[in-house]
Structures are given as C-alpha cells and as structure tokens.
C-alpha cells in the first residue's frame, strides 16, 4: 500500500525524496505506460496547487496524450506549438508564469494559469514531455524545474 508522504519545507530535499520514491516505485517494472501512469499519480500526490499533471508522448512526429491526472486534455499537440510543443522543439524546460502571456498557448483547461513543461529525452531521442498546470499564476520556480528534471532522469531509466 502506497501512503501519502509528509514532505518537509526544504523543496530540494523534497524533490530528492520524490525521485527516490519514483525509483523504488518503478524498479522491476518494464511497461512504459504503467511507469508513466505511476509517475503522474506520484506527482499528483506530491504537488499542491496544480490542476493537471501528465505526459505527452512522441508518436509519428507529434505529441500525443499519455497517462495523466486531471480533467480531459488536448489529445495531439504539434511540435513547436504551445508550451508543450515548444519545450519539445527546443529540448529545454519551460516555465510559464502566466499562460495567457505565452504566444500560441493551447488552452486545454481554462482554469490553468501557469505551467511547467520538461522534455523527456532517452539516448538522445525525444520520448515526450512532462506537463504540469496550475490554477494560480507564477506557481513554478527554477527550483521546481531542477527537481522535475531530476525526476524525469529517474523516469528515463525505467522506460
């Protein structure tokens, strides 16, 4: 039985613990969809003040909705379009403090105000992106970006 972890106020320590939890959770499982599913559930349990967390996976040159926690979402996102497509194209983490100020933002959920997207790269190939939305502006920081990039590196070991 997986129980909710009580995290400290030290965000860096929390991300380290989160990555260790992910590694333990995914060790021994080889199914990528199961691992993406558990990763999205773990992140949903970890974060407060978010309204969507999940993955878009590369398929035939575009991002396709993968495992997630939240309301129904856009199914396909072209590379280079919106926050997810831009992060995929640039292969870099993007923090958007106010999604309404991001040119070409794709509004899947009108409640979303800020977003962070982390590319997932394995062996030099883009696998997809981790996408997290929040109903409040300026929800995500550089510290979140660093922690989530660490989380994604652990995930990559298990997909």
Protein backbone atom coordinates (compact mmCIF):
# COMPACT_ATOMS: atom_id res chain seq x y z
CA UNK A 1 0.00 0.00 0.00
CA UNK A 2 1.40 3.38 -1.02
CA UNK A 3 0.66 6.09 1.50
CA UNK A 4 0.95 9.86 1.25
CA UNK A 5 4.38 11.07 2.28
CA UNK A 6 4.78 14.06 4.54
CA UNK A 7 7.34 16.34 2.97
CA UNK A 8 9.47 18.97 4.68
CA UNK A 9 9.67 22.66 3.85
CA UNK A 10 13.01 22.10 2.08
CA UNK A 11 11.98 21.87 -1.58
CA UNK A 12 15.33 20.47 -2.75
CA UNK A 13 15.15 17.68 -0.15
CA UNK A 14 11.55 17.02 -1.15
CA UNK A 15 12.50 16.58 -4.80
CA UNK A 16 15.33 14.24 -3.83
CA UNK A 17 12.87 12.15 -1.82
CA UNK A 18 10.34 12.26 -4.66
CA UNK A 19 12.91 10.95 -7.14
CA UNK A 20 13.88 8.16 -4.74
CA UNK A 21 10.21 7.25 -4.34
CA UNK A 22 9.81 7.13 -8.12
CA UNK A 23 12.86 4.90 -8.50
CA UNK A 24 11.56 2.49 -5.85
CA UNK A 25 8.06 2.52 -7.35
CA UNK A 26 9.25 1.74 -10.89
CA UNK A 27 12.08 -0.71 -10.14
CA UNK A 28 11.35 -4.06 -11.74
CA UNK A 29 8.54 -2.81 -14.00
CA UNK A 30 9.31 -2.67 -17.72
CA UNK A 31 5.98 -1.45 -19.09
CA UNK A 32 6.41 2.20 -20.07
CA UNK A 33 2.70 3.07 -19.85
CA UNK A 34 2.47 1.62 -16.33
CA UNK A 35 5.56 3.61 -15.34
CA UNK A 36 4.28 6.87 -16.85
CA UNK A 37 0.95 6.25 -15.09
CA UNK A 38 2.54 5.76 -11.69
CA UNK A 39 4.84 8.74 -12.26
CA UNK A 40 1.85 11.02 -12.97
CA UNK A 41 0.00 9.69 -9.90
CA UNK A 42 3.07 10.25 -7.72
CA UNK A 43 3.44 13.83 -8.96
CA UNK A 44 -0.27 14.50 -8.42
CA UNK A 45 0.13 13.35 -4.82
CA UNK A 46 3.31 15.42 -4.35
CA UNK A 47 2.12 18.79 -5.65
CA UNK A 48 -0.40 21.20 -4.23
CA UNK A 49 -1.99 23.97 -6.26
CA UNK A 50 -2.00 22.08 -9.56
CA UNK A 51 -4.92 21.09 -11.73
CA UNK A 52 -3.23 18.79 -14.27
CA UNK A 53 -0.12 16.64 -14.42
CA UNK A 54 0.84 14.15 -17.06
CA UNK A 55 2.71 13.22 -20.16
CA UNK A 56 2.56 13.82 -23.87
CA UNK A 57 4.47 11.15 -25.78
CA UNK A 58 6.06 11.42 -29.22
CA UNK A 59 4.25 9.45 -31.88
CA UNK A 60 4.67 9.95 -35.62
CA UNK A 61 6.29 13.36 -35.17
CA UNK A 62 3.74 14.87 -32.77
CA UNK A 63 2.96 14.83 -29.06
CA UNK A 64 0.07 12.53 -28.15
CA UNK A 65 -1.70 12.50 -24.79
CA UNK A 66 -0.30 9.88 -22.44
CA UNK A 67 -1.00 8.96 -18.81
CA UNK A 68 -2.17 11.90 -16.69
CA UNK A 69 -4.10 13.05 -13.63
CA UNK A 70 -6.72 15.76 -14.13
CA UNK A 71 -9.51 16.79 -16.45
CA UNK A 72 -9.66 15.52 -20.05
CA UNK A 73 -6.95 17.17 -22.14
CA UNK A 74 -5.95 18.02 -25.69
CA UNK A 75 -5.06 14.80 -27.47
CA UNK A 76 -2.49 15.90 -30.05
CA UNK A 77 -0.01 18.78 -29.97
CA UNK A 78 2.27 19.56 -32.91
CA UNK A 79 5.96 20.00 -32.08
CA UNK A 80 6.65 23.73 -31.92
CA UNK A 81 3.10 24.66 -30.89
CA UNK A 82 2.04 25.74 -27.40
CA UNK A 83 4.18 25.29 -24.31
CA UNK A 84 4.50 21.51 -24.70
CA UNK A 85 5.36 21.69 -28.38
CA UNK A 86 7.88 24.49 -27.78
CA UNK A 87 9.62 22.56 -24.98
CA UNK A 88 9.74 19.52 -27.27
CA UNK A 89 11.19 21.54 -30.14
CA UNK A 90 13.80 23.33 -28.02
CA UNK A 91 14.53 20.28 -25.82
CA UNK A 92 14.50 22.52 -22.77
CA UNK A 93 12.36 23.00 -19.70
CA UNK A 94 9.94 25.89 -19.99
CA UNK A 95 8.34 27.68 -17.05
CA UNK A 96 5.39 29.89 -17.93
CA UNK A 97 4.33 32.18 -15.04
CA UNK A 98 1.19 33.32 -16.94
CA UNK A 99 -0.05 31.07 -19.74
CA UNK A 100 -2.17 33.89 -21.18
CA UNK A 101 1.04 35.81 -21.95
CA UNK A 102 2.63 32.84 -23.80
CA UNK A 103 2.25 33.28 -27.58
CA UNK A 104 0.35 30.35 -29.06
CA UNK A 105 -0.63 28.82 -25.71
CA UNK A 106 -3.06 25.92 -26.17
CA UNK A 107 -5.83 26.23 -23.58
CA UNK A 108 -6.93 22.69 -22.75
CA UNK A 109 -8.30 23.77 -19.34
CA UNK A 110 -9.50 27.36 -18.93
CA UNK A 111 -8.61 27.19 -15.22
CA UNK A 112 -4.87 26.86 -15.94
CA UNK A 113 -2.87 30.00 -15.19
CA UNK A 114 0.75 28.78 -15.11
CA UNK A 115 2.62 25.79 -16.49
CA UNK A 116 5.92 23.94 -16.49
CA UNK A 117 6.99 21.50 -19.20
CA UNK A 118 10.06 19.24 -19.04
CA UNK A 119 11.25 17.33 -22.12
CA UNK A 120 11.89 13.61 -21.73
CA UNK A 121 14.95 12.51 -23.72
CA UNK A 122 16.35 8.97 -23.78
CA UNK A 123 19.52 8.09 -25.67
CA UNK A 124 19.35 11.44 -27.48
CA UNK A 125 15.78 10.88 -28.69
CA UNK A 126 12.76 12.91 -27.54
CA UNK A 127 10.32 10.49 -25.89
CA UNK A 128 7.80 13.15 -24.85
CA UNK A 129 7.23 15.84 -22.26
CA UNK A 130 6.09 16.10 -18.66
CA UNK A 131 3.43 18.81 -18.40
CA UNK A 132 2.10 20.33 -15.16
CA UNK A 133 -0.55 23.07 -14.99
CA UNK A 134 -1.65 25.21 -12.07
CA UNK A 135 -4.76 27.33 -11.49
CA UNK A 136 -2.57 30.07 -9.97
CA UNK A 137 -0.08 32.34 -11.69
CA UNK A 138 3.66 32.01 -11.03
CA UNK A 139 3.24 28.58 -9.40
CA UNK A 140 6.51 27.10 -10.69
CA UNK A 141 10.10 28.13 -9.95
CA UNK A 142 13.59 27.33 -11.18
CA UNK A 143 13.85 25.04 -8.15
CA UNK A 144 10.79 23.14 -9.46
CA UNK A 145 12.46 22.92 -12.88
CA UNK A 146 15.64 21.44 -11.39
CA UNK A 147 13.69 18.98 -9.24
CA UNK A 148 11.46 17.88 -12.10
CA UNK A 149 14.42 17.43 -14.43
CA UNK A 150 15.93 15.13 -11.79
CA UNK A 151 12.57 13.28 -11.57
CA UNK A 152 12.47 12.85 -15.37
CA UNK A 153 16.02 11.43 -15.38
CA UNK A 154 14.92 8.75 -12.93
CA UNK A 155 11.85 8.04 -15.07
CA UNK A 156 14.00 7.68 -18.20
CA UNK A 157 15.90 4.82 -16.52
CA UNK A 158 12.62 2.88 -16.32
CA UNK A 159 11.16 3.41 -19.80
